[in-house]
Amino acid sequence: MREFPVIETERLVLSQLEETDLPYIVEYLQEKVFSKLTANIPYPYSEKDAEFWLKSSREAFENQSGYIFAIRDKSRKIIGTIGVHDRGDDKAELGYWLAVPFWNKGYVTEAALAVVEFAFKELGYNKIFATHFFHNPSSGRIMEKIGMQQEAVLKQHLKKDGEYFDIPMYSIFKNKYL
């Protein structure tokens, strides 16, 4: 794929991250809740963190190893991000975050359904998987809403702030989805 895809859903536009998104990303990710609920968002979240992430997302696209989409409302304002990252053997990992003011409106579920379909149909993956912390059950409910099923509990799989966490892993397969 030479150009980054744009995916439109009923309420959202999923498109490539832009430099103009960085101030919003930094503002949104100042909420400490993101650091508590995710494995890889630091607190406090700095402009340098956002710049590094933008660069990494562009490199992933160029290398065809990942697609990180800005989740935008129809006015094209960024409200979060969602991505799939190639993990080899025709499988990809799904990850997402959404700014707090937009929680509980079904936006991540809507975006995730579109990205999973894209990953199966356009990228040819056989399996999409995702994980979450047990103390973030809302993320697990999103995974279930898009058809994922819990496959395993990975014991002491993540270390954050000096503590080891068990995390559930959910997955969906191409032959069950399409």
Protein backbone atom coordinates (compact mmCIF):
# COMPACT_ATOMS: atom_id res chain seq x y z
CA MET A 1 0.00 0.00 0.00
CA ARG A 2 1.57 3.27 -1.10
CA GLU A 3 -0.91 5.68 0.45
CA PHE A 4 -2.19 5.46 3.98
CA PRO A 5 -5.80 4.26 3.86
CA VAL A 6 -8.77 6.30 5.00
CA ILE A 7 -11.67 4.34 6.47
CA GLU A 8 -15.05 5.97 7.00
CA THR A 9 -17.71 4.59 9.30
CA GLU A 10 -21.13 5.94 10.19
CA ARG A 11 -19.73 8.45 12.71
CA LEU A 12 -15.97 8.37 12.26
CA VAL A 13 -13.08 8.91 9.88
CA LEU A 14 -9.98 6.77 10.48
CA SER A 15 -6.91 8.29 8.87
CA GLN A 16 -3.19 8.81 9.23
CA LEU A 17 -1.85 10.75 12.20
CA GLU A 18 -0.79 14.30 11.33
CA GLU A 19 1.57 16.78 12.97
CA THR A 20 -1.45 18.98 13.68
CA ASP A 21 -2.85 16.18 15.88
CA LEU A 22 0.07 16.33 18.31
CA PRO A 23 -1.21 19.12 20.60
CA TYR A 24 -4.53 17.28 21.01
CA ILE A 25 -2.78 13.97 21.69
CA VAL A 26 -0.57 15.58 24.35
CA GLU A 27 -3.60 17.28 25.92
CA TYR A 28 -5.73 14.12 25.95
CA LEU A 29 -2.99 11.89 27.32
CA GLN A 30 -2.33 14.16 30.32
CA GLU A 31 -5.11 12.22 32.03
CA LYS A 32 -3.31 9.86 34.40
CA VAL A 33 -5.94 7.20 33.73
CA PHE A 34 -4.22 6.34 30.42
CA SER A 35 -1.00 5.39 32.15
CA LYS A 36 -2.93 3.25 34.62
CA LEU A 37 -5.01 1.47 31.97
CA THR A 38 -2.38 0.89 29.28
CA ALA A 39 1.02 -0.75 29.13
CA ASN A 40 2.80 1.86 27.02
CA ILE A 41 1.43 5.37 27.63
CA PRO A 42 3.66 7.22 30.11
CA TYR A 43 2.57 9.84 32.63
CA PRO A 44 3.09 12.67 32.27
CA TYR A 45 2.82 12.50 28.48
CA SER A 46 5.12 15.00 26.78
CA GLU A 47 5.36 16.61 23.37
CA LYS A 48 8.52 14.54 22.81
CA ASP A 49 6.51 11.37 23.51
CA ALA A 50 3.95 12.41 20.89
CA GLU A 51 6.62 13.32 18.33
CA PHE A 52 8.36 9.97 18.85
CA TRP A 53 5.05 8.14 18.48
CA LEU A 54 4.19 10.01 15.27
CA LYS A 55 7.61 9.14 13.83
CA SER A 56 7.21 5.49 14.89
CA SER A 57 3.74 5.28 13.35
CA ARG A 58 5.04 6.61 10.04
CA GLU A 59 7.96 4.19 10.07
CA ALA A 60 5.61 1.28 10.80
CA PHE A 61 3.49 2.21 7.79
CA GLU A 62 6.55 2.58 5.53
CA ASN A 63 7.82 -0.82 6.71
CA GLN A 64 4.31 -2.33 6.38
CA SER A 65 4.57 -3.48 10.00
CA GLY A 66 1.71 -1.44 11.41
CA TYR A 67 -1.14 0.95 10.77
CA ILE A 68 -1.96 3.54 13.42
CA PHE A 69 -5.13 5.42 12.61
CA ALA A 70 -6.33 8.65 14.13
CA ILE A 71 -9.92 8.19 15.23
CA ARG A 72 -11.66 11.36 14.07
CA ASP A 73 -15.19 12.63 14.33
CA LYS A 74 -16.85 13.71 11.08
CA SER A 75 -15.43 17.24 11.52
CA ARG A 76 -12.01 15.49 11.31
CA LYS A 77 -10.98 16.35 14.89
CA ILE A 78 -8.88 13.62 16.48
CA ILE A 79 -10.52 11.94 19.47
CA GLY A 80 -8.24 8.91 19.86
CA THR A 81 -6.21 6.34 17.96
CA ILE A 82 -6.44 2.70 16.97
CA GLY A 83 -3.92 0.47 15.28
CA VAL A 84 -2.87 -2.97 14.20
CA HIS A 85 0.73 -4.11 14.47
CA ASP A 86 2.15 -7.07 12.58
CA ARG A 87 3.41 -9.73 15.00
CA GLY A 88 4.49 -12.27 12.37
CA ASP A 89 2.87 -15.52 11.26
CA ASP A 90 -0.13 -13.68 9.72
CA LYS A 91 -1.28 -12.23 13.02
CA ALA A 92 -1.59 -8.67 14.28
CA GLU A 93 -2.14 -6.99 17.61
CA LEU A 94 -4.95 -4.47 18.01
CA GLY A 95 -4.53 -1.48 20.32
CA TYR A 96 -6.50 1.70 20.97
CA TRP A 97 -7.17 4.65 23.24
CA LEU A 98 -9.90 7.28 23.23
CA ALA A 99 -9.93 10.69 24.91
CA VAL A 100 -11.96 10.66 28.13
CA PRO A 101 -14.73 13.07 26.94
CA PHE A 102 -15.63 10.54 24.22
CA TRP A 103 -15.86 7.41 26.38
CA ASN A 104 -19.04 5.31 26.54
CA LYS A 105 -20.36 6.38 23.14
CA GLY A 106 -19.38 3.27 21.15
CA TYR A 107 -16.65 5.02 19.17
CA VAL A 108 -13.89 2.48 19.87
CA THR A 109 -16.19 -0.42 19.04
CA GLU A 110 -17.15 1.26 15.75
CA ALA A 111 -13.50 1.98 14.91
CA ALA A 112 -12.33 -1.49 15.94
CA LEU A 113 -14.89 -3.25 13.75
CA ALA A 114 -13.66 -1.22 10.76
CA VAL A 115 -9.98 -1.81 11.49
CA VAL A 116 -10.44 -5.55 12.03
CA GLU A 117 -12.29 -5.83 8.72
CA PHE A 118 -9.49 -3.84 7.02
CA ALA A 119 -6.82 -6.05 8.62
CA PHE A 120 -8.49 -9.25 7.43
CA LYS A 121 -9.58 -8.13 3.96
CA GLU A 122 -6.80 -5.75 2.92
CA LEU A 123 -3.80 -6.93 4.91
CA GLY A 124 -4.56 -10.65 4.85
CA TYR A 125 -4.08 -11.43 8.53
CA ASN A 126 -5.43 -14.71 9.85
CA LYS A 127 -5.63 -13.66 13.50
CA ILE A 128 -6.12 -10.38 15.34
CA PHE A 129 -5.46 -10.36 19.08
CA ALA A 130 -5.56 -7.82 21.88
CA THR A 131 -4.84 -7.69 25.59
CA HIS A 132 -5.94 -5.52 28.49
CA PHE A 133 -5.32 -5.12 32.19
CA PHE A 134 -7.89 -6.81 34.41
CA HIS A 135 -8.44 -3.43 36.08
CA ASN A 136 -9.66 -2.14 32.68
CA PRO A 137 -12.67 -4.40 32.03
CA SER A 138 -14.21 -1.86 29.62
CA SER A 139 -11.49 -2.69 27.12
CA GLY A 140 -12.33 -6.38 27.38
CA ARG A 141 -16.00 -5.60 26.72
CA ILE A 142 -14.99 -3.75 23.53
CA MET A 143 -13.05 -6.83 22.43
CA GLU A 144 -16.09 -9.02 23.05
CA LYS A 145 -18.40 -6.61 21.18
CA ILE A 146 -16.27 -6.94 18.04
CA GLY A 147 -16.40 -10.72 18.19
CA MET A 148 -13.17 -11.51 20.00
CA GLN A 149 -13.09 -14.31 22.53
CA GLN A 150 -10.78 -14.68 25.48
CA GLU A 151 -8.11 -17.13 24.48
CA ALA A 152 -5.79 -17.12 27.49
CA VAL A 153 -4.65 -15.38 30.62
CA LEU A 154 -0.98 -14.53 30.27
CA LYS A 155 0.53 -14.84 33.75
CA GLN A 156 2.81 -12.02 34.92
CA HIS A 157 3.06 -10.97 31.29
CA LEU A 158 3.51 -7.22 31.77
CA LYS A 159 5.67 -5.31 34.21
CA LYS A 160 4.59 -1.77 34.96
CA ASP A 161 5.89 0.45 37.73
CA GLY A 162 7.73 -2.50 39.25
CA GLU A 163 4.64 -4.71 39.44
CA TYR A 164 3.85 -7.79 37.33
CA PHE A 165 0.38 -8.13 35.84
CA ASP A 166 -1.61 -11.06 34.52
CA ILE A 167 -3.47 -10.00 31.38
CA PRO A 168 -6.24 -11.65 29.40
CA MET A 169 -5.66 -12.11 25.68
CA TYR A 170 -8.57 -12.01 23.26
CA SER A 171 -8.55 -13.00 19.60
CA ILE A 172 -10.63 -13.28 16.47
CA PHE A 173 -9.86 -15.33 13.37
CA LYS A 174 -10.39 -14.52 9.73
CA ASN A 175 -12.46 -17.65 9.03
CA LYS A 176 -14.81 -16.79 11.92
CA TYR A 177 -15.11 -13.13 10.94
CA LEU A 178 -15.59 -13.09 7.18
